[in-house]
Amino acid sequence: MDAEYEKICLYCEHAAPSYDSERMLCELRGVVSSGHKCKKFIYDPLKRVPRVPKKPAHDEMPQI
């Protein structure tokens, strides 16, 4: 596994988003904050939002 992510409920397999963006619905703990940490954390790669790659500057574009 990659260690680039934080072990918080936002990326956990047991948690689901709620109506409030700051809260998560955890199968094990109930309603918790999205930054909550517990020992039952299981990373879910589908919940991670990938970084948007930087676009190269116009000068760096190859000429066709």
C-alpha atoms as a PDB file:
ATOM      1  CA  MET A   1       0.000   0.000   0.000  1.00  0.00           C
ATOM      2  CA  ASP A   2       1.050   3.569  -0.584  1.00  0.00           C
ATOM      3  CA  ALA A   3       1.670   5.744   2.475  1.00  0.00           C
ATOM      4  CA  GLU A   4       0.658   9.020   0.755  1.00  0.00           C
ATOM      5  CA  TYR A   5      -2.773   9.073   2.386  1.00  0.00           C
ATOM      6  CA  GLU A   6      -3.759   9.880   5.959  1.00  0.00           C
ATOM      7  CA  LYS A   7      -5.426   7.118   7.959  1.00  0.00           C
ATOM      8  CA  ILE A   8      -8.662   9.026   8.544  1.00  0.00           C
ATOM      9  CA  CYS A   9     -12.335   8.150   8.095  1.00  0.00           C
ATOM     10  CA  LEU A  10     -12.492  10.107   4.860  1.00  0.00           C
ATOM     11  CA  TYR A  11     -10.536   7.251   3.187  1.00  0.00           C
ATOM     12  CA  CYS A  12     -11.854   4.313   5.245  1.00  0.00           C
ATOM     13  CA  GLU A  13     -13.819   1.364   3.889  1.00  0.00           C
ATOM     14  CA  HIS A  14     -16.150   1.425   6.917  1.00  0.00           C
ATOM     15  CA  ALA A  15     -17.200   5.075   6.482  1.00  0.00           C
ATOM     16  CA  ALA A  16     -19.674   6.746   4.157  1.00  0.00           C
ATOM     17  CA  PRO A  17     -20.257  10.473   3.620  1.00  0.00           C
ATOM     18  CA  SER A  18     -23.246  12.059   5.333  1.00  0.00           C
ATOM     19  CA  TYR A  19     -25.312  15.149   4.559  1.00  0.00           C
ATOM     20  CA  ASP A  20     -22.603  17.274   6.231  1.00  0.00           C
ATOM     21  CA  SER A  21     -19.208  17.396   4.484  1.00  0.00           C
ATOM     22  CA  GLU A  22     -17.447  17.468   7.873  1.00  0.00           C
ATOM     23  CA  ARG A  23     -19.102  14.251   9.135  1.00  0.00           C
ATOM     24  CA  MET A  24     -18.931  10.590   8.116  1.00  0.00           C
ATOM     25  CA  LEU A  25     -21.239   7.665   8.924  1.00  0.00           C
ATOM     26  CA  CYS A  26     -19.041   4.869  10.267  1.00  0.00           C
ATOM     27  CA  GLU A  27     -20.345   1.280  10.358  1.00  0.00           C
ATOM     28  CA  LEU A  28     -18.447   0.715  13.604  1.00  0.00           C
ATOM     29  CA  ARG A  29     -18.555   4.039  15.480  1.00  0.00           C
ATOM     30  CA  GLY A  30     -21.623   5.862  14.151  1.00  0.00           C
ATOM     31  CA  VAL A  31     -21.370   9.550  13.245  1.00  0.00           C
ATOM     32  CA  VAL A  32     -17.761  10.789  13.375  1.00  0.00           C
ATOM     33  CA  SER A  33     -15.785  13.698  11.927  1.00  0.00           C
ATOM     34  CA  SER A  34     -14.153  13.157   8.533  1.00  0.00           C
ATOM     35  CA  GLY A  35     -10.734  13.477  10.209  1.00  0.00           C
ATOM     36  CA  HIS A  36     -11.467  10.843  12.868  1.00  0.00           C
ATOM     37  CA  LYS A  37      -8.870   8.065  13.338  1.00  0.00           C
ATOM     38  CA  CYS A  38      -9.388   4.588  14.804  1.00  0.00           C
ATOM     39  CA  LYS A  39      -7.635   1.210  14.893  1.00  0.00           C
ATOM     40  CA  LYS A  40     -10.176  -0.436  12.547  1.00  0.00           C
ATOM     41  CA  PHE A  41      -9.104   1.704   9.562  1.00  0.00           C
ATOM     42  CA  ILE A  42      -9.091  -0.101   6.187  1.00  0.00           C
ATOM     43  CA  TYR A  43      -7.923   1.960   3.209  1.00  0.00           C
ATOM     44  CA  ASP A  44     -10.434   2.270   0.351  1.00  0.00           C
ATOM     45  CA  PRO A  45      -8.612   3.523  -2.780  1.00  0.00           C
ATOM     46  CA  LEU A  46     -11.894   4.451  -4.494  1.00  0.00           C
ATOM     47  CA  LYS A  47     -12.540   7.221  -1.957  1.00  0.00           C
ATOM     48  CA  ARG A  48      -9.284   9.030  -2.685  1.00  0.00           C
ATOM     49  CA  VAL A  49      -9.492  12.020  -5.027  1.00  0.00           C
ATOM     50  CA  PRO A  50      -6.344  12.054  -7.202  1.00  0.00           C
ATOM     51  CA  ARG A  51      -4.313  15.204  -7.595  1.00  0.00           C
ATOM     52  CA  VAL A  52      -4.769  17.073 -10.858  1.00  0.00           C
ATOM     53  CA  PRO A  53      -1.471  17.089 -12.775  1.00  0.00           C
ATOM     54  CA  LYS A  54      -0.021  20.469 -13.597  1.00  0.00           C
ATOM     55  CA  LYS A  55      -0.349  21.514 -17.208  1.00  0.00           C
ATOM     56  CA  PRO A  56       2.938  22.297 -18.932  1.00  0.00           C
ATOM     57  CA  ALA A  57       3.604  25.906 -19.782  1.00  0.00           C
ATOM     58  CA  HIS A  58       2.882  26.972 -23.355  1.00  0.00           C
ATOM     59  CA  ASP A  59       6.639  27.170 -24.057  1.00  0.00           C
ATOM     60  CA  GLU A  60       7.085  23.526 -23.029  1.00  0.00           C
ATOM     61  CA  MET A  61       4.510  22.191 -25.494  1.00  0.00           C
ATOM     62  CA  PRO A  62       6.034  20.124 -28.310  1.00  0.00           C
ATOM     63  CA  GLN A  63       5.645  21.508 -31.828  1.00  0.00           C
ATOM     64  CA  ILE A  64       3.887  19.245 -34.308  1.00  0.00           C
END
